[in-house]
Structures are given as C-alpha cells and as structure tokens.
Amino acid sequence: MNADSNQRWFPNSMPAPMVDHHTLPWWEACAQHKLTAQRCTNCNHTQLPGSPICSECRGTDFEMTELNGKGTLYTYTAVHQPLTYEEKLPFFIVVIELDVSGTPCKNPVRLMSNIVDAEEEEFEIGKPVEVVWETFSEFVSVPRFKFVK
C-alpha cells in the first residue's frame, strides 16, 4: 500500500465524495489511509457503504473494522467518454471484493472504486489487487486499486 504517496490519478475537477453521518466514519478512516467496513456487532455482517440498519439482522449497533487493503477484481467497465475536460481515457470503474480474512467479518464485502496504472488488456476477473490512496486534502483520501504484480 502506498500510504504516504501523493499520487493523483483523477483531475481536480472531479466532484468531491458525498458524505453523510452514516458514511462519515468510513471517510475519516480513509483520510488516515485506513480501509474499513461497517460491521454489525450483533451478527458480524459487514456492509459498505455504512447504513443505519444492518441489512442482515436489522441491528443498529456497528463498529468500523479495519481491512488489510487487499482484494480481487469482481467486475469492471472501461469508460471511454470523458466526464471532465482533463480526464485521461480510458478510466476503469471496478467492483473489488475485499479480503476480510483475519477479521470478525462473516461475509465478503465489495467496494466500487477504480483500477489505476493499468492497461485494459491487464484486466481479468479474480485478479488480485491492493489499495493505493489518492489524497485530495488532509481530510479527503479516496481508495483506488492497483493490480498486484
């Protein structure tokens, strides 16, 4: 993981992430370059994004569980139409199945993000990835992913 990198992959004109009181703990952890997931303390079901109610048992008590930042490519799409005038194309929207081994989480959890520094021919479902951080400010860092070499 590149916890200290200031690498930027997306233009400054990209909109800032949307935050509410349910997702704020996740974004606060991201600002510290920690990848977490909301885990129900009643049934250990894990979910992203954070929610007021557990989708498994309807519980309302949660903890943020730190994950190791590894995972596999679950699915993806390549975007060839720019969203901003500065955008490098193509960019890749992906769903990552995060590794929850070594945690009390009872289910896999998936996160929508981006693969960076890769060519389209490198993409293969199930390929291992690891988190890299794109830091926008001291308060906002966004997890992106790179293929494990």
N, C-alpha and C. Protein backbone atom coordinates (compact mmCIF):
# COMPACT_ATOMS: atom_id res chain seq x y z
N MET A 1 0.85 -1.18 0.00
CA MET A 1 0.00 0.00 0.00
C MET A 1 0.88 1.24 0.00
N ASN A 2 0.48 2.27 -0.68
CA ASN A 2 1.29 3.48 -0.75
C ASN A 2 0.74 4.53 0.20
N ALA A 3 0.79 4.28 1.48
CA ALA A 3 0.15 5.13 2.48
C ALA A 3 0.69 6.56 2.46
N ASP A 4 1.90 6.77 1.96
CA ASP A 4 2.47 8.11 2.00
C ASP A 4 2.54 8.78 0.64
N SER A 5 1.95 8.18 -0.36
CA SER A 5 2.02 8.71 -1.71
C SER A 5 1.07 9.89 -1.90
N ASN A 6 1.49 10.82 -2.73
CA ASN A 6 0.62 11.92 -3.12
C ASN A 6 0.23 11.78 -4.58
N GLN A 7 0.28 10.57 -5.10
CA GLN A 7 -0.07 10.29 -6.49
C GLN A 7 -1.51 10.73 -6.76
N ARG A 8 -1.71 11.38 -7.90
CA ARG A 8 -3.05 11.77 -8.32
C ARG A 8 -3.34 11.10 -9.65
N TRP A 9 -4.52 10.48 -9.74
CA TRP A 9 -4.91 9.80 -10.97
C TRP A 9 -6.08 10.49 -11.66
N PHE A 10 -6.87 11.25 -10.91
CA PHE A 10 -8.04 11.89 -11.49
C PHE A 10 -7.91 13.40 -11.36
N PRO A 11 -8.51 14.14 -12.27
CA PRO A 11 -8.34 15.60 -12.29
C PRO A 11 -9.00 16.28 -11.09
N ASN A 12 -8.51 17.46 -10.79
CA ASN A 12 -9.07 18.26 -9.69
C ASN A 12 -10.53 18.63 -9.92
N SER A 13 -10.98 18.61 -11.15
CA SER A 13 -12.36 18.97 -11.44
C SER A 13 -13.36 17.86 -11.11
N MET A 14 -12.87 16.68 -10.71
CA MET A 14 -13.78 15.60 -10.29
C MET A 14 -14.49 16.05 -9.02
N PRO A 15 -15.77 15.74 -8.89
CA PRO A 15 -16.51 16.18 -7.69
C PRO A 15 -16.01 15.47 -6.43
N ALA A 16 -16.14 16.15 -5.32
CA ALA A 16 -15.76 15.58 -4.02
C ALA A 16 -16.75 14.48 -3.63
N PRO A 17 -16.31 13.52 -2.83
CA PRO A 17 -17.22 12.46 -2.38
C PRO A 17 -18.37 13.03 -1.56
N MET A 18 -19.51 12.35 -1.64
CA MET A 18 -20.67 12.71 -0.83
C MET A 18 -20.54 12.03 0.53
N VAL A 19 -20.75 12.79 1.59
CA VAL A 19 -20.60 12.26 2.95
C VAL A 19 -21.86 12.57 3.73
N ASP A 20 -22.32 11.58 4.50
CA ASP A 20 -23.40 11.82 5.46
C ASP A 20 -22.99 11.22 6.80
N HIS A 21 -23.84 11.31 7.81
CA HIS A 21 -23.43 10.86 9.14
C HIS A 21 -23.25 9.34 9.21
N HIS A 22 -23.79 8.58 8.28
CA HIS A 22 -23.60 7.14 8.26
C HIS A 22 -22.27 6.75 7.62
N THR A 23 -21.81 7.54 6.65
CA THR A 23 -20.56 7.22 5.96
C THR A 23 -19.36 8.00 6.50
N LEU A 24 -19.60 8.98 7.37
CA LEU A 24 -18.50 9.80 7.90
C LEU A 24 -17.40 8.97 8.55
N PRO A 25 -17.68 7.96 9.39
CA PRO A 25 -16.58 7.18 9.97
C PRO A 25 -15.70 6.51 8.91
N TRP A 26 -16.31 6.07 7.81
CA TRP A 26 -15.54 5.45 6.73
C TRP A 26 -14.61 6.47 6.08
N TRP A 27 -15.14 7.67 5.79
CA TRP A 27 -14.32 8.71 5.16
C TRP A 27 -13.24 9.22 6.11
N GLU A 28 -13.52 9.26 7.41
CA GLU A 28 -12.49 9.66 8.38
C GLU A 28 -11.34 8.65 8.39
N ALA A 29 -11.67 7.35 8.32
CA ALA A 29 -10.62 6.33 8.24
C ALA A 29 -9.84 6.46 6.94
N CYS A 30 -10.53 6.71 5.83
CA CYS A 30 -9.85 6.90 4.54
C CYS A 30 -8.86 8.06 4.61
N ALA A 31 -9.22 9.13 5.29
CA ALA A 31 -8.32 10.29 5.41
C ALA A 31 -7.01 9.89 6.10
N GLN A 32 -7.06 8.83 6.91
CA GLN A 32 -5.87 8.30 7.58
C GLN A 32 -5.26 7.12 6.81
N HIS A 33 -5.73 6.90 5.60
CA HIS A 33 -5.29 5.80 4.73
C HIS A 33 -5.52 4.45 5.38
N LYS A 34 -6.71 4.30 5.97
CA LYS A 34 -7.15 3.03 6.53
C LYS A 34 -8.42 2.61 5.82
N LEU A 35 -8.41 1.39 5.29
CA LEU A 35 -9.58 0.86 4.61
C LEU A 35 -10.41 0.08 5.63
N THR A 36 -11.67 0.47 5.80
CA THR A 36 -12.53 -0.13 6.81
C THR A 36 -13.87 -0.52 6.19
N ALA A 37 -14.64 -1.28 6.97
CA ALA A 37 -16.01 -1.62 6.59
C ALA A 37 -16.86 -1.58 7.85
N GLN A 38 -18.12 -1.26 7.68
CA GLN A 38 -19.06 -1.24 8.81
C GLN A 38 -19.48 -2.67 9.12
N ARG A 39 -19.27 -3.07 10.40
CA ARG A 39 -19.61 -4.42 10.83
C ARG A 39 -20.62 -4.37 11.95
N CYS A 40 -21.70 -5.11 11.80
CA CYS A 40 -22.75 -5.19 12.81
C CYS A 40 -22.19 -5.97 14.00
N THR A 41 -22.27 -5.40 15.20
CA THR A 41 -21.76 -6.08 16.38
C THR A 41 -22.70 -7.19 16.85
N ASN A 42 -23.90 -7.23 16.34
CA ASN A 42 -24.86 -8.27 16.70
C ASN A 42 -24.63 -9.56 15.91
N CYS A 43 -24.42 -9.45 14.58
CA CYS A 43 -24.33 -10.65 13.75
C CYS A 43 -23.04 -10.73 12.92
N ASN A 44 -22.16 -9.74 13.01
CA ASN A 44 -20.88 -9.67 12.27
C ASN A 44 -21.06 -9.51 10.76
N HIS A 45 -22.26 -9.18 10.30
CA HIS A 45 -22.46 -8.88 8.88
C HIS A 45 -21.73 -7.57 8.57
N THR A 46 -21.07 -7.55 7.44
CA THR A 46 -20.27 -6.39 7.04
C THR A 46 -20.92 -5.74 5.83
N GLN A 47 -20.92 -4.38 5.82
CA GLN A 47 -21.55 -3.69 4.70
C GLN A 47 -20.83 -2.38 4.38
N LEU A 48 -20.86 -2.07 3.10
CA LEU A 48 -20.38 -0.80 2.57
C LEU A 48 -21.40 -0.38 1.52
N PRO A 49 -21.80 0.86 1.50
CA PRO A 49 -21.46 1.91 2.44
C PRO A 49 -22.15 1.71 3.78
N GLY A 50 -21.75 2.53 4.75
CA GLY A 50 -22.37 2.48 6.07
C GLY A 50 -23.86 2.78 5.98
N SER A 51 -24.60 2.19 6.90
CA SER A 51 -26.05 2.30 6.89
C SER A 51 -26.55 2.38 8.33
N PRO A 52 -27.75 2.92 8.55
CA PRO A 52 -28.28 2.97 9.92
C PRO A 52 -28.78 1.62 10.43
N ILE A 53 -29.03 0.67 9.51
CA ILE A 53 -29.60 -0.63 9.88
C ILE A 53 -28.82 -1.74 9.18
N CYS A 54 -28.52 -2.79 9.90
CA CYS A 54 -27.85 -3.96 9.32
C CYS A 54 -28.79 -4.61 8.31
N SER A 55 -28.30 -4.84 7.11
CA SER A 55 -29.13 -5.46 6.07
C SER A 55 -29.36 -6.95 6.32
N GLU A 56 -28.67 -7.53 7.27
CA GLU A 56 -28.82 -8.95 7.58
C GLU A 56 -29.79 -9.19 8.74
N CYS A 57 -29.54 -8.52 9.91
CA CYS A 57 -30.34 -8.81 11.11
C CYS A 57 -31.19 -7.62 11.57
N ARG A 58 -31.07 -6.50 10.90
CA ARG A 58 -31.78 -5.26 11.22
C ARG A 58 -31.26 -4.61 12.50
N GLY A 59 -30.07 -5.03 12.96
CA GLY A 59 -29.44 -4.43 14.13
C GLY A 59 -29.03 -2.98 13.86
N THR A 60 -28.72 -2.28 14.94
CA THR A 60 -28.35 -0.86 14.80
C THR A 60 -27.04 -0.51 15.50
N ASP A 61 -26.30 -1.51 15.98
CA ASP A 61 -25.01 -1.26 16.63
C ASP A 61 -23.89 -1.74 15.71
N PHE A 62 -22.94 -0.82 15.44
CA PHE A 62 -21.89 -1.10 14.47
C PHE A 62 -20.53 -0.72 15.00
N GLU A 63 -19.50 -1.35 14.41
CA GLU A 63 -18.11 -0.96 14.58
C GLU A 63 -17.50 -0.86 13.20
N MET A 64 -16.48 -0.03 13.09
CA MET A 64 -15.71 0.01 11.86
C MET A 64 -14.58 -0.98 12.02
N THR A 65 -14.47 -1.93 11.09
CA THR A 65 -13.44 -2.96 11.14
C THR A 65 -12.41 -2.65 10.07
N GLU A 66 -11.15 -2.59 10.48
CA GLU A 66 -10.08 -2.29 9.53
C GLU A 66 -9.75 -3.53 8.70
N LEU A 67 -9.63 -3.33 7.40
CA LEU A 67 -9.30 -4.39 6.46
C LEU A 67 -7.86 -4.23 6.00
N ASN A 68 -7.31 -5.27 5.39
CA ASN A 68 -5.89 -5.24 5.01
C ASN A 68 -5.61 -4.54 3.68
N GLY A 69 -6.63 -4.09 2.97
CA GLY A 69 -6.41 -3.36 1.73
C GLY A 69 -6.19 -4.24 0.51
N LYS A 70 -6.36 -5.54 0.68
CA LYS A 70 -6.21 -6.46 -0.45
C LYS A 70 -7.57 -6.95 -0.90
N GLY A 71 -7.62 -7.45 -2.12
CA GLY A 71 -8.87 -7.97 -2.64
C GLY A 71 -8.67 -8.55 -4.02
N THR A 72 -9.79 -8.78 -4.70
CA THR A 72 -9.76 -9.28 -6.07
C THR A 72 -10.74 -8.50 -6.92
N LEU A 73 -10.45 -8.44 -8.20
CA LEU A 73 -11.32 -7.77 -9.15
C LEU A 73 -12.58 -8.62 -9.33
N TYR A 74 -13.72 -8.06 -8.95
CA TYR A 74 -15.00 -8.78 -9.05
C TYR A 74 -15.66 -8.53 -10.41
N THR A 75 -15.68 -7.25 -10.84
CA THR A 75 -16.19 -6.89 -12.16
C THR A 75 -15.67 -5.50 -12.50
N TYR A 76 -15.82 -5.09 -13.76
CA TYR A 76 -15.31 -3.78 -14.18
C TYR A 76 -15.96 -3.32 -15.47
N THR A 77 -15.76 -2.04 -15.74
CA THR A 77 -16.10 -1.48 -17.04
C THR A 77 -15.06 -0.42 -17.39
N ALA A 78 -14.76 -0.29 -18.65
CA ALA A 78 -13.85 0.74 -19.14
C ALA A 78 -14.69 1.90 -19.65
N VAL A 79 -14.35 3.11 -19.23
CA VAL A 79 -15.08 4.31 -19.64
C VAL A 79 -14.23 5.05 -20.67
N HIS A 80 -14.82 5.26 -21.85
CA HIS A 80 -14.11 5.92 -22.95
C HIS A 80 -14.67 7.31 -23.24
N GLN A 81 -15.67 7.75 -22.51
CA GLN A 81 -16.28 9.06 -22.68
C GLN A 81 -15.87 9.93 -21.48
N PRO A 82 -15.22 11.07 -21.68
CA PRO A 82 -14.76 11.87 -20.54
C PRO A 82 -15.91 12.50 -19.76
N LEU A 83 -15.71 12.58 -18.45
CA LEU A 83 -16.66 13.28 -17.59
C LEU A 83 -16.23 14.72 -17.37
N THR A 84 -14.93 14.96 -17.47
CA THR A 84 -14.39 16.32 -17.35
C THR A 84 -13.41 16.54 -18.51
N TYR A 85 -13.08 17.77 -18.76
CA TYR A 85 -12.19 18.07 -19.89
C TYR A 85 -10.76 17.61 -19.64
N GLU A 86 -10.36 17.37 -18.37
CA GLU A 86 -8.99 16.99 -18.06
C GLU A 86 -8.78 15.48 -18.01
N GLU A 87 -9.79 14.71 -18.17
CA GLU A 87 -9.74 13.29 -17.87
C GLU A 87 -8.91 12.48 -18.84
N LYS A 88 -8.09 11.59 -18.28
CA LYS A 88 -7.31 10.65 -19.08
C LYS A 88 -8.18 9.44 -19.37
N LEU A 89 -8.23 9.03 -20.63
CA LEU A 89 -9.08 7.92 -21.04
C LEU A 89 -8.25 6.76 -21.55
N PRO A 90 -8.75 5.55 -21.46
CA PRO A 90 -9.95 5.20 -20.69
C PRO A 90 -9.62 5.18 -19.20
N PHE A 91 -10.68 5.30 -18.36
CA PHE A 91 -10.51 5.01 -16.95
C PHE A 91 -11.44 3.85 -16.62
N PHE A 92 -11.18 3.21 -15.50
CA PHE A 92 -11.84 1.94 -15.21
C PHE A 92 -12.62 2.03 -13.91
N ILE A 93 -13.91 1.74 -13.99
CA ILE A 93 -14.77 1.64 -12.80
C ILE A 93 -14.84 0.16 -12.47
N VAL A 94 -14.54 -0.16 -11.22
CA VAL A 94 -14.44 -1.56 -10.82
C VAL A 94 -15.22 -1.82 -9.55
N VAL A 95 -15.54 -3.08 -9.33
CA VAL A 95 -16.03 -3.55 -8.05
C VAL A 95 -14.96 -4.50 -7.53
N ILE A 96 -14.47 -4.21 -6.33
CA ILE A 96 -13.44 -5.02 -5.69
C ILE A 96 -14.08 -5.83 -4.58
N GLU A 97 -13.82 -7.13 -4.57
CA GLU A 97 -14.22 -7.94 -3.42
C GLU A 97 -13.06 -7.89 -2.45
N LEU A 98 -13.31 -7.24 -1.30
CA LEU A 98 -12.25 -7.00 -0.32
C LEU A 98 -11.98 -8.24 0.52
N ASP A 99 -10.72 -8.42 0.87
CA ASP A 99 -10.29 -9.52 1.72
C ASP A 99 -10.67 -9.20 3.17
N VAL A 100 -11.48 -10.05 3.78
CA VAL A 100 -11.87 -9.85 5.18
C VAL A 100 -11.23 -10.90 6.09
N SER A 101 -10.27 -11.67 5.55
CA SER A 101 -9.63 -12.70 6.36
C SER A 101 -8.91 -12.04 7.54
N GLY A 102 -8.94 -12.72 8.67
CA GLY A 102 -8.31 -12.19 9.88
C GLY A 102 -9.16 -11.18 10.62
N THR A 103 -10.40 -10.98 10.19
CA THR A 103 -11.32 -10.06 10.86
C THR A 103 -12.54 -10.85 11.34
N PRO A 104 -13.36 -10.26 12.20
CA PRO A 104 -14.59 -10.94 12.60
C PRO A 104 -15.71 -10.87 11.55
N CYS A 105 -15.45 -10.27 10.42
CA CYS A 105 -16.47 -10.12 9.38
C CYS A 105 -16.87 -11.50 8.86
N LYS A 106 -18.18 -11.74 8.74
CA LYS A 106 -18.64 -13.06 8.32
C LYS A 106 -18.91 -13.18 6.82
N ASN A 107 -18.91 -12.09 6.12
CA ASN A 107 -19.23 -12.14 4.69
C ASN A 107 -18.25 -11.30 3.89
N PRO A 108 -18.07 -11.64 2.61
CA PRO A 108 -17.26 -10.77 1.75
C PRO A 108 -17.94 -9.41 1.61
N VAL A 109 -17.17 -8.40 1.40
CA VAL A 109 -17.72 -7.06 1.19
C VAL A 109 -17.11 -6.51 -0.09
N ARG A 110 -17.92 -5.81 -0.85
CA ARG A 110 -17.47 -5.27 -2.14
C ARG A 110 -17.50 -3.75 -2.11
N LEU A 111 -16.57 -3.17 -2.85
CA LEU A 111 -16.41 -1.72 -2.90
C LEU A 111 -16.25 -1.29 -4.35
N MET A 112 -17.01 -0.29 -4.76
CA MET A 112 -16.85 0.29 -6.09
C MET A 112 -15.72 1.31 -6.02
N SER A 113 -14.81 1.24 -6.98
CA SER A 113 -13.65 2.13 -6.98
C SER A 113 -13.11 2.22 -8.41
N ASN A 114 -11.78 2.36 -8.50
CA ASN A 114 -11.11 2.44 -9.80
C ASN A 114 -9.82 1.63 -9.74
N ILE A 115 -9.45 1.06 -10.87
CA ILE A 115 -8.11 0.49 -11.06
C ILE A 115 -7.29 1.58 -11.73
N VAL A 116 -6.09 1.80 -11.24
CA VAL A 116 -5.22 2.83 -11.80
C VAL A 116 -3.92 2.20 -12.29
N ASP A 117 -3.24 2.92 -13.15
CA ASP A 117 -1.96 2.49 -13.70
C ASP A 117 -2.03 1.10 -14.33
N ALA A 118 -3.05 0.86 -15.13
CA ALA A 118 -3.20 -0.43 -15.80
C ALA A 118 -3.76 -0.21 -17.20
N GLU A 119 -3.45 -1.12 -18.07
CA GLU A 119 -3.98 -1.11 -19.42
C GLU A 119 -5.15 -2.09 -19.49
N GLU A 120 -6.06 -1.85 -20.41
CA GLU A 120 -7.28 -2.65 -20.50
C GLU A 120 -6.99 -4.15 -20.67
N GLU A 121 -5.92 -4.48 -21.38
CA GLU A 121 -5.62 -5.90 -21.59
C GLU A 121 -5.14 -6.61 -20.31
N GLU A 122 -4.81 -5.86 -19.26
CA GLU A 122 -4.40 -6.47 -17.99
C GLU A 122 -5.58 -6.94 -17.14
N PHE A 123 -6.79 -6.51 -17.49
CA PHE A 123 -7.96 -6.80 -16.66
C PHE A 123 -8.39 -8.24 -16.79
N GLU A 124 -8.58 -8.89 -15.63
CA GLU A 124 -9.04 -10.27 -15.58
C GLU A 124 -9.81 -10.45 -14.27
N ILE A 125 -11.05 -10.89 -14.37
CA ILE A 125 -11.86 -11.11 -13.17
C ILE A 125 -11.12 -12.08 -12.24
N GLY A 126 -11.10 -11.75 -10.96
CA GLY A 126 -10.42 -12.57 -9.96
C GLY A 126 -8.97 -12.20 -9.73
N LYS A 127 -8.44 -11.27 -10.52
CA LYS A 127 -7.04 -10.87 -10.39
C LYS A 127 -6.84 -10.12 -9.06
N PRO A 128 -5.75 -10.40 -8.33
CA PRO A 128 -5.52 -9.74 -7.04
C PRO A 128 -5.17 -8.25 -7.20
N VAL A 129 -5.67 -7.47 -6.24
CA VAL A 129 -5.43 -6.03 -6.22
C VAL A 129 -5.06 -5.61 -4.80
N GLU A 130 -4.50 -4.40 -4.69
CA GLU A 130 -4.25 -3.81 -3.38
C GLU A 130 -4.57 -2.33 -3.45
N VAL A 131 -4.92 -1.78 -2.30
CA VAL A 131 -5.34 -0.38 -2.24
C VAL A 131 -4.14 0.55 -2.41
N VAL A 132 -4.38 1.66 -3.08
CA VAL A 132 -3.49 2.81 -3.14
C VAL A 132 -4.36 4.02 -2.85
N TRP A 133 -3.78 5.06 -2.32
CA TRP A 133 -4.58 6.20 -1.87
C TRP A 133 -4.36 7.41 -2.74
N GLU A 134 -5.46 8.04 -3.11
CA GLU A 134 -5.41 9.33 -3.81
C GLU A 134 -5.84 10.38 -2.81
N THR A 135 -4.88 11.22 -2.43
CA THR A 135 -5.13 12.22 -1.39
C THR A 135 -5.47 13.55 -2.03
N PHE A 136 -6.63 14.10 -1.67
CA PHE A 136 -7.07 15.39 -2.18
C PHE A 136 -6.78 16.51 -1.19
N SER A 137 -6.82 16.20 0.10
CA SER A 137 -6.53 17.17 1.16
C SER A 137 -6.27 16.38 2.43
N GLU A 138 -6.00 17.06 3.53
CA GLU A 138 -5.78 16.33 4.78
C GLU A 138 -7.05 15.65 5.27
N PHE A 139 -8.20 16.03 4.73
CA PHE A 139 -9.48 15.47 5.15
C PHE A 139 -10.09 14.47 4.17
N VAL A 140 -9.56 14.43 2.94
CA VAL A 140 -10.17 13.58 1.91
C VAL A 140 -9.10 12.76 1.19
N SER A 141 -9.19 11.45 1.35
CA SER A 141 -8.41 10.50 0.57
C SER A 141 -9.37 9.44 0.04
N VAL A 142 -9.15 9.03 -1.19
CA VAL A 142 -10.04 8.08 -1.85
C VAL A 142 -9.26 6.81 -2.15
N PRO A 143 -9.81 5.64 -1.77
CA PRO A 143 -9.11 4.40 -2.11
C PRO A 143 -9.29 4.06 -3.59
N ARG A 144 -8.17 3.84 -4.24
CA ARG A 144 -8.13 3.31 -5.60
C ARG A 144 -7.39 1.97 -5.49
N PHE A 145 -7.30 1.24 -6.57
CA PHE A 145 -6.64 -0.06 -6.51
C PHE A 145 -5.70 -0.24 -7.68
N LYS A 146 -4.64 -1.02 -7.44
CA LYS A 146 -3.69 -1.43 -8.47
C LYS A 146 -3.61 -2.94 -8.47
N PHE A 147 -3.31 -3.50 -9.63
CA PHE A 147 -3.08 -4.94 -9.70
C PHE A 147 -1.80 -5.27 -8.95
N VAL A 148 -1.81 -6.39 -8.24
CA VAL A 148 -0.62 -6.88 -7.57
C VAL A 148 0.30 -7.47 -8.62
N LYS A 149 1.50 -7.02 -8.65
CA LYS A 149 2.47 -7.50 -9.67
C LYS A 149 3.18 -8.74 -9.17
